[in-house]
Structure formats: structure tokens, C-alpha cells
Amino acid sequence: MHETAPFTLDAWQSFYVIVGSSAGALTGLQFVVLTLISEARMLRAGDALSAFASPNVVHFCMALLVSAILGAPWGGLGPPGVAVALCGAGGLIYSIAVLRRAMRQRDYRPVLEDWIWHAAFPMLAYAAMIHAGIQMSRVSSDVLYIVGGASLMLVFVDIHNAWDTVTYVMAERSRREREQARAAAAAAATRRQSE
């Protein structure tokens, strides 16, 4: 039995307020991450940045957009289903482009965890959105759990990725500072010996 869309979507309002608000607020976190990267002068080219940092803003914004779509007062599940499927398709295409950038960049050597969190999980979330969006008007409203899970997954993936980036940048900065200190100490010792 199909539930009416206003009743069905009303039941999800609190969930999407939380997810959408979190995604919107956490987008600001990415600006902090990008500032740390630029201050540390970690990357020589834009490919690594566009493969590992910038996509987080897109994924946060996509979770915010899906929350806004499903928070709107729809008369049925068909139109929001189309919108969610289109968001999923756009996100999947973008994720494939990001994967290509990650494979092409040379500033950072990704490990298995990077491939899972930066490529596989976002693609899975977007594929789930496509599936749920297509099924939304034809099947029961249970597919809204898939959309909710995919939106929440994007938020958690991006929190992980932002944290991972910050810890990498700080560890790399610390390593460089130690190397510079050792080099300066060695140069000072060499100068003292030559005097």
C-alpha cells in the first residue's frame, strides 16, 4: 500500500533537518582544511586538492540538497524521486571524475583506505540515491530509508575524509619541520667545524 507523500515526508522532517543542517555547517570545516593545506604548502598541483579535498564540499552540499528536496512540500513521491535520482546521477558522474583525478595526481600516494573512503563509499551512496529515486514513486515509501542512509553516509564519509586530511597535513608539516631543524643543526655543526 502506498502512503501519501505529505504524510510520508513529514515523518522524515526531523531527520532531514539534522542531516541538512549538519552538512551545511560541516561545509565550513572544509574551508579550514583547505586553509591548512594552503598554509602548509603541501600540494604543488591542483589535482590532489581536487581529488581529496574539494569533493568533500560537493558531497556535503549534495546531502544538503537532498535534505532540502525531501523537506519541500511535495504532493506525491514521483517528483522528489526524480530529483533525488538526478542528484544521485550527478554525484556518481562527479565521483567518477574525482576517481580519475585521484589516479592521475602525483602529490599523494593513496592507500586502500583512501580508495574506499574517497571513491567507493561516495559512489555507493550516489548509486543508492539513483536506485531509490527511480523506485520512489513505484514502490512503497520504504525506499526513503535508502535515501536517508545514503545522505547520512555522505556526511559521515566527508567527516572522516576531512579529519583524515587534517591529520595527514599536520603530520606531514611536523615531519617537514623536524627535517628542516635537523638540516639547520647539521649546517650549524658544519660551520662550527670549519671555523
C-alpha atoms as a PDB file:
ATOM      1  CA  MET A   1       0.000   0.000   0.000  1.00  0.00           C
ATOM      2  CA  HIS A   2       1.352   3.438  -0.945  1.00  0.00           C
ATOM      3  CA  GLU A   3       1.389   6.127   1.678  1.00  0.00           C
ATOM      4  CA  THR A   4       0.577   9.695   0.716  1.00  0.00           C
ATOM      5  CA  ALA A   5       3.655  11.810   0.156  1.00  0.00           C
ATOM      6  CA  PRO A   6       2.912  14.655   2.592  1.00  0.00           C
ATOM      7  CA  PHE A   7       2.397  12.207   5.450  1.00  0.00           C
ATOM      8  CA  THR A   8       5.399  10.104   4.467  1.00  0.00           C
ATOM      9  CA  LEU A   9       7.768  13.041   4.018  1.00  0.00           C
ATOM     10  CA  ASP A  10       6.505  14.743   7.189  1.00  0.00           C
ATOM     11  CA  ALA A  11       7.722  11.739   9.147  1.00  0.00           C
ATOM     12  CA  TRP A  12      11.248  12.421   7.812  1.00  0.00           C
ATOM     13  CA  GLN A  13      11.356  16.177   8.508  1.00  0.00           C
ATOM     14  CA  SER A  14      13.408  15.995  11.720  1.00  0.00           C
ATOM     15  CA  PHE A  15      15.883  13.611  10.125  1.00  0.00           C
ATOM     16  CA  TYR A  16      16.487  15.876   7.135  1.00  0.00           C
ATOM     17  CA  VAL A  17      16.698  18.979   9.297  1.00  0.00           C
ATOM     18  CA  ILE A  18      19.516  17.295  11.236  1.00  0.00           C
ATOM     19  CA  VAL A  19      21.307  15.902   8.164  1.00  0.00           C
ATOM     20  CA  GLY A  20      20.901  19.068   6.103  1.00  0.00           C
ATOM     21  CA  SER A  21      21.970  21.370   8.938  1.00  0.00           C
ATOM     22  CA  SER A  22      24.971  19.191   9.698  1.00  0.00           C
ATOM     23  CA  ALA A  23      26.009  19.065   6.058  1.00  0.00           C
ATOM     24  CA  GLY A  24      25.659  22.827   5.712  1.00  0.00           C
ATOM     25  CA  ALA A  25      27.628  23.550   8.877  1.00  0.00           C
ATOM     26  CA  LEU A  26      30.341  20.996   8.112  1.00  0.00           C
ATOM     27  CA  THR A  27      30.917  22.563   4.718  1.00  0.00           C
ATOM     28  CA  GLY A  28      32.652  25.320   6.690  1.00  0.00           C
ATOM     29  CA  LEU A  29      35.029  22.709   8.093  1.00  0.00           C
ATOM     30  CA  GLN A  30      36.336  22.157   4.589  1.00  0.00           C
ATOM     31  CA  PHE A  31      37.398  25.790   4.379  1.00  0.00           C
ATOM     32  CA  VAL A  32      39.522  25.239   7.498  1.00  0.00           C
ATOM     33  CA  VAL A  33      41.013  22.112   5.913  1.00  0.00           C
ATOM     34  CA  LEU A  34      41.786  23.930   2.675  1.00  0.00           C
ATOM     35  CA  THR A  35      43.372  26.795   4.626  1.00  0.00           C
ATOM     36  CA  LEU A  36      45.621  24.338   6.482  1.00  0.00           C
ATOM     37  CA  ILE A  37      46.657  22.739   3.206  1.00  0.00           C
ATOM     38  CA  SER A  38      47.479  26.051   1.572  1.00  0.00           C
ATOM     39  CA  GLU A  39      49.368  27.345   4.642  1.00  0.00           C
ATOM     40  CA  ALA A  40      51.418  24.175   4.799  1.00  0.00           C
ATOM     41  CA  ARG A  41      52.143  24.437   1.073  1.00  0.00           C
ATOM     42  CA  MET A  42      51.541  20.711   0.884  1.00  0.00           C
ATOM     43  CA  LEU A  43      50.463  20.376  -2.713  1.00  0.00           C
ATOM     44  CA  ARG A  44      52.255  21.517  -5.833  1.00  0.00           C
ATOM     45  CA  ALA A  45      49.347  20.924  -8.198  1.00  0.00           C
ATOM     46  CA  GLY A  46      45.594  21.171  -8.077  1.00  0.00           C
ATOM     47  CA  ASP A  47      44.933  17.516  -8.940  1.00  0.00           C
ATOM     48  CA  ALA A  48      45.441  16.186  -5.409  1.00  0.00           C
ATOM     49  CA  LEU A  49      43.390  19.015  -3.959  1.00  0.00           C
ATOM     50  CA  SER A  50      40.576  18.434  -6.443  1.00  0.00           C
ATOM     51  CA  ALA A  51      40.742  14.680  -5.791  1.00  0.00           C
ATOM     52  CA  PHE A  52      40.893  14.589  -1.996  1.00  0.00           C
ATOM     53  CA  ALA A  53      39.646  17.878  -0.526  1.00  0.00           C
ATOM     54  CA  SER A  54      37.244  19.623  -2.894  1.00  0.00           C
ATOM     55  CA  PRO A  55      34.902  16.621  -3.338  1.00  0.00           C
ATOM     56  CA  ASN A  56      34.014  16.829   0.343  1.00  0.00           C
ATOM     57  CA  VAL A  57      32.362  20.195  -0.238  1.00  0.00           C
ATOM     58  CA  VAL A  58      30.370  18.706  -3.128  1.00  0.00           C
ATOM     59  CA  HIS A  59      29.286  15.691  -1.049  1.00  0.00           C
ATOM     60  CA  PHE A  60      28.264  17.873   1.904  1.00  0.00           C
ATOM     61  CA  CYS A  61      26.302  20.121  -0.456  1.00  0.00           C
ATOM     62  CA  MET A  62      24.657  17.101  -2.072  1.00  0.00           C
ATOM     63  CA  ALA A  63      23.468  15.873   1.347  1.00  0.00           C
ATOM     64  CA  LEU A  64      22.149  19.384   1.987  1.00  0.00           C
ATOM     65  CA  LEU A  65      20.407  19.464  -1.403  1.00  0.00           C
ATOM     66  CA  VAL A  66      18.726  16.075  -0.902  1.00  0.00           C
ATOM     67  CA  SER A  67      17.598  17.224   2.547  1.00  0.00           C
ATOM     68  CA  ALA A  68      16.096  20.355   1.014  1.00  0.00           C
ATOM     69  CA  ILE A  69      14.399  18.363  -1.755  1.00  0.00           C
ATOM     70  CA  LEU A  70      12.795  15.942   0.669  1.00  0.00           C
ATOM     71  CA  GLY A  71      11.893  18.767   3.045  1.00  0.00           C
ATOM     72  CA  ALA A  72       9.823  20.545   0.383  1.00  0.00           C
ATOM     73  CA  PRO A  73       6.021  20.178   0.408  1.00  0.00           C
ATOM     74  CA  TRP A  74       5.511  17.665  -2.404  1.00  0.00           C
ATOM     75  CA  GLY A  75       2.117  16.301  -3.408  1.00  0.00           C
ATOM     76  CA  GLY A  76       3.487  12.881  -4.313  1.00  0.00           C
ATOM     77  CA  LEU A  77       6.711  10.894  -4.228  1.00  0.00           C
ATOM     78  CA  GLY A  78       7.295  10.972  -8.018  1.00  0.00           C
ATOM     79  CA  PRO A  79       8.762  14.482  -8.398  1.00  0.00           C
ATOM     80  CA  PRO A  80      11.116  14.252  -5.398  1.00  0.00           C
ATOM     81  CA  GLY A  81      12.085  10.779  -6.624  1.00  0.00           C
ATOM     82  CA  VAL A  82      13.154  12.225  -9.966  1.00  0.00           C
ATOM     83  CA  ALA A  83      15.085  14.992  -8.203  1.00  0.00           C
ATOM     84  CA  VAL A  84      16.851  12.509  -5.908  1.00  0.00           C
ATOM     85  CA  ALA A  85      17.704  10.231  -8.862  1.00  0.00           C
ATOM     86  CA  LEU A  86      19.146  13.219 -10.750  1.00  0.00           C
ATOM     87  CA  CYS A  87      21.210  14.206  -7.686  1.00  0.00           C
ATOM     88  CA  GLY A  88      22.484  10.641  -7.475  1.00  0.00           C
ATOM     89  CA  ALA A  89      23.352  10.579 -11.171  1.00  0.00           C
ATOM     90  CA  GLY A  90      25.181  13.894 -10.964  1.00  0.00           C
ATOM     91  CA  GLY A  91      27.035  12.763  -7.855  1.00  0.00           C
ATOM     92  CA  LEU A  92      28.024   9.455  -9.441  1.00  0.00           C
ATOM     93  CA  ILE A  93      29.354  11.169 -12.566  1.00  0.00           C
ATOM     94  CA  TYR A  94      31.273  13.624 -10.372  1.00  0.00           C
ATOM     95  CA  SER A  95      32.662  10.759  -8.256  1.00  0.00           C
ATOM     96  CA  ILE A  96      33.951   9.016 -11.372  1.00  0.00           C
ATOM     97  CA  ALA A  97      35.697  12.250 -12.412  1.00  0.00           C
ATOM     98  CA  VAL A  98      37.196  12.508  -8.908  1.00  0.00           C
ATOM     99  CA  LEU A  99      38.433   8.926  -9.145  1.00  0.00           C
ATOM    100  CA  ARG A 100      40.182   9.765 -12.415  1.00  0.00           C
ATOM    101  CA  ARG A 101      41.813  12.821 -10.790  1.00  0.00           C
ATOM    102  CA  ALA A 102      42.945  10.725  -7.806  1.00  0.00           C
ATOM    103  CA  MET A 103      44.555   8.211 -10.139  1.00  0.00           C
ATOM    104  CA  ARG A 104      46.243  10.951 -12.188  1.00  0.00           C
ATOM    105  CA  GLN A 105      47.638  13.142  -9.392  1.00  0.00           C
ATOM    106  CA  ARG A 106      51.223  12.626  -8.182  1.00  0.00           C
ATOM    107  CA  ASP A 107      51.379  14.651  -4.943  1.00  0.00           C
ATOM    108  CA  TYR A 108      49.996  11.926  -2.703  1.00  0.00           C
ATOM    109  CA  ARG A 109      50.096   8.138  -2.934  1.00  0.00           C
ATOM    110  CA  PRO A 110      46.638   6.831  -1.902  1.00  0.00           C
ATOM    111  CA  VAL A 111      46.328   3.658   0.167  1.00  0.00           C
ATOM    112  CA  LEU A 112      43.381   1.218   0.235  1.00  0.00           C
ATOM    113  CA  GLU A 113      41.593   3.238   2.920  1.00  0.00           C
ATOM    114  CA  ASP A 114      41.727   6.324   0.681  1.00  0.00           C
ATOM    115  CA  TRP A 115      40.200   4.459  -2.258  1.00  0.00           C
ATOM    116  CA  ILE A 116      37.400   3.145  -0.033  1.00  0.00           C
ATOM    117  CA  TRP A 117      36.533   6.435   1.674  1.00  0.00           C
ATOM    118  CA  HIS A 118      37.195   8.881  -1.168  1.00  0.00           C
ATOM    119  CA  ALA A 119      35.881   6.806  -4.080  1.00  0.00           C
ATOM    120  CA  ALA A 120      33.919   3.645  -3.218  1.00  0.00           C
ATOM    121  CA  PHE A 121      31.686   4.970  -0.427  1.00  0.00           C
ATOM    122  CA  PRO A 122      30.570   8.144  -2.259  1.00  0.00           C
ATOM    123  CA  MET A 123      29.859   6.110  -5.421  1.00  0.00           C
ATOM    124  CA  LEU A 124      27.834   3.637  -3.370  1.00  0.00           C
ATOM    125  CA  ALA A 125      25.830   6.456  -1.774  1.00  0.00           C
ATOM    126  CA  TYR A 126      25.076   8.058  -5.146  1.00  0.00           C
ATOM    127  CA  ALA A 127      24.151   4.725  -6.731  1.00  0.00           C
ATOM    128  CA  ALA A 128      21.765   4.131  -3.823  1.00  0.00           C
ATOM    129  CA  MET A 129      20.191   7.556  -4.448  1.00  0.00           C
ATOM    130  CA  ILE A 130      19.688   6.742  -8.120  1.00  0.00           C
ATOM    131  CA  HIS A 131      18.038   3.423  -7.263  1.00  0.00           C
ATOM    132  CA  ALA A 132      15.833   4.884  -4.532  1.00  0.00           C
ATOM    133  CA  GLY A 133      14.868   7.901  -6.618  1.00  0.00           C
ATOM    134  CA  ILE A 134      13.753   5.697  -9.501  1.00  0.00           C
ATOM    135  CA  GLN A 135      11.811   3.413  -7.166  1.00  0.00           C
ATOM    136  CA  MET A 136      10.294   6.172  -5.039  1.00  0.00           C
ATOM    137  CA  SER A 137       7.027   6.609  -6.914  1.00  0.00           C
ATOM    138  CA  ARG A 138       6.626   2.949  -7.872  1.00  0.00           C
ATOM    139  CA  VAL A 139       7.393   1.155  -4.655  1.00  0.00           C
ATOM    140  CA  SER A 140       6.425   1.852  -1.069  1.00  0.00           C
ATOM    141  CA  SER A 141       7.868   4.744   0.831  1.00  0.00           C
ATOM    142  CA  ASP A 142      10.379   2.328   2.382  1.00  0.00           C
ATOM    143  CA  VAL A 143      12.910   3.469  -0.229  1.00  0.00           C
ATOM    144  CA  LEU A 144      13.121   6.706   1.742  1.00  0.00           C
ATOM    145  CA  TYR A 145      15.305   4.737   4.169  1.00  0.00           C
ATOM    146  CA  ILE A 146      17.762   4.189   1.324  1.00  0.00           C
ATOM    147  CA  VAL A 147      17.855   7.913   0.527  1.00  0.00           C
ATOM    148  CA  GLY A 148      18.242   8.749   4.210  1.00  0.00           C
ATOM    149  CA  GLY A 149      21.042   6.226   4.615  1.00  0.00           C
ATOM    150  CA  ALA A 150      22.831   7.480   1.503  1.00  0.00           C
ATOM    151  CA  SER A 151      22.590  11.123   2.640  1.00  0.00           C
ATOM    152  CA  LEU A 152      23.857  10.260   6.093  1.00  0.00           C
ATOM    153  CA  MET A 153      26.618   8.159   4.559  1.00  0.00           C
ATOM    154  CA  LEU A 154      27.853  11.167   2.558  1.00  0.00           C
ATOM    155  CA  VAL A 155      28.012  13.248   5.739  1.00  0.00           C
ATOM    156  CA  PHE A 156      29.929  10.571   7.678  1.00  0.00           C
ATOM    157  CA  VAL A 157      32.273   9.884   4.763  1.00  0.00           C
ATOM    158  CA  ASP A 158      33.098  13.572   4.497  1.00  0.00           C
ATOM    159  CA  ILE A 159      33.661  13.933   8.241  1.00  0.00           C
ATOM    160  CA  HIS A 160      36.123  11.057   8.005  1.00  0.00           C
ATOM    161  CA  ASN A 161      37.792  12.475   4.902  1.00  0.00           C
ATOM    162  CA  ALA A 162      38.133  15.964   6.372  1.00  0.00           C
ATOM    163  CA  TRP A 163      39.644  14.549   9.563  1.00  0.00           C
ATOM    164  CA  ASP A 164      41.939  12.286   7.577  1.00  0.00           C
ATOM    165  CA  THR A 165      43.152  15.239   5.507  1.00  0.00           C
ATOM    166  CA  VAL A 166      43.783  17.406   8.576  1.00  0.00           C
ATOM    167  CA  THR A 167      45.752  14.683  10.374  1.00  0.00           C
ATOM    168  CA  TYR A 168      47.806  13.982   7.241  1.00  0.00           C
ATOM    169  CA  VAL A 169      48.581  17.674   6.736  1.00  0.00           C
ATOM    170  CA  MET A 170      49.575  18.169  10.373  1.00  0.00           C
ATOM    171  CA  ALA A 171      51.742  15.026  10.451  1.00  0.00           C
ATOM    172  CA  GLU A 172      53.421  15.987   7.186  1.00  0.00           C
ATOM    173  CA  ARG A 173      54.009  19.544   8.423  1.00  0.00           C
ATOM    174  CA  SER A 174      55.560  18.204  11.626  1.00  0.00           C
ATOM    175  CA  ARG A 175      57.802  15.844   9.636  1.00  0.00           C
ATOM    176  CA  ARG A 176      58.985  18.688   7.389  1.00  0.00           C
ATOM    177  CA  GLU A 177      59.718  20.932  10.377  1.00  0.00           C
ATOM    178  CA  ARG A 178      61.811  18.170  12.006  1.00  0.00           C
ATOM    179  CA  GLU A 179      63.736  17.673   8.747  1.00  0.00           C
ATOM    180  CA  GLN A 180      64.371  21.420   8.468  1.00  0.00           C
ATOM    181  CA  ALA A 181      65.537  21.569  12.091  1.00  0.00           C
ATOM    182  CA  ARG A 182      67.927  18.628  11.525  1.00  0.00           C
ATOM    183  CA  ALA A 183      69.270  20.224   8.349  1.00  0.00           C
ATOM    184  CA  ALA A 184      69.785  23.564  10.141  1.00  0.00           C
ATOM    185  CA  ALA A 185      71.553  21.824  13.048  1.00  0.00           C
ATOM    186  CA  ALA A 186      73.780  19.890  10.635  1.00  0.00           C
ATOM    187  CA  ALA A 187      74.625  23.090   8.746  1.00  0.00           C
ATOM    188  CA  ALA A 188      75.450  24.879  12.013  1.00  0.00           C
ATOM    189  CA  ALA A 189      77.664  21.979  13.120  1.00  0.00           C
ATOM    190  CA  THR A 190      79.479  22.020   9.775  1.00  0.00           C
ATOM    191  CA  ARG A 191      80.080  25.789  10.099  1.00  0.00           C
ATOM    192  CA  ARG A 192      81.483  25.388  13.623  1.00  0.00           C
ATOM    193  CA  GLN A 193      83.860  22.621  12.492  1.00  0.00           C
ATOM    194  CA  SER A 194      85.153  24.720   9.601  1.00  0.00           C
ATOM    195  CA  GLU A 195      85.931  27.681  11.853  1.00  0.00           C
END
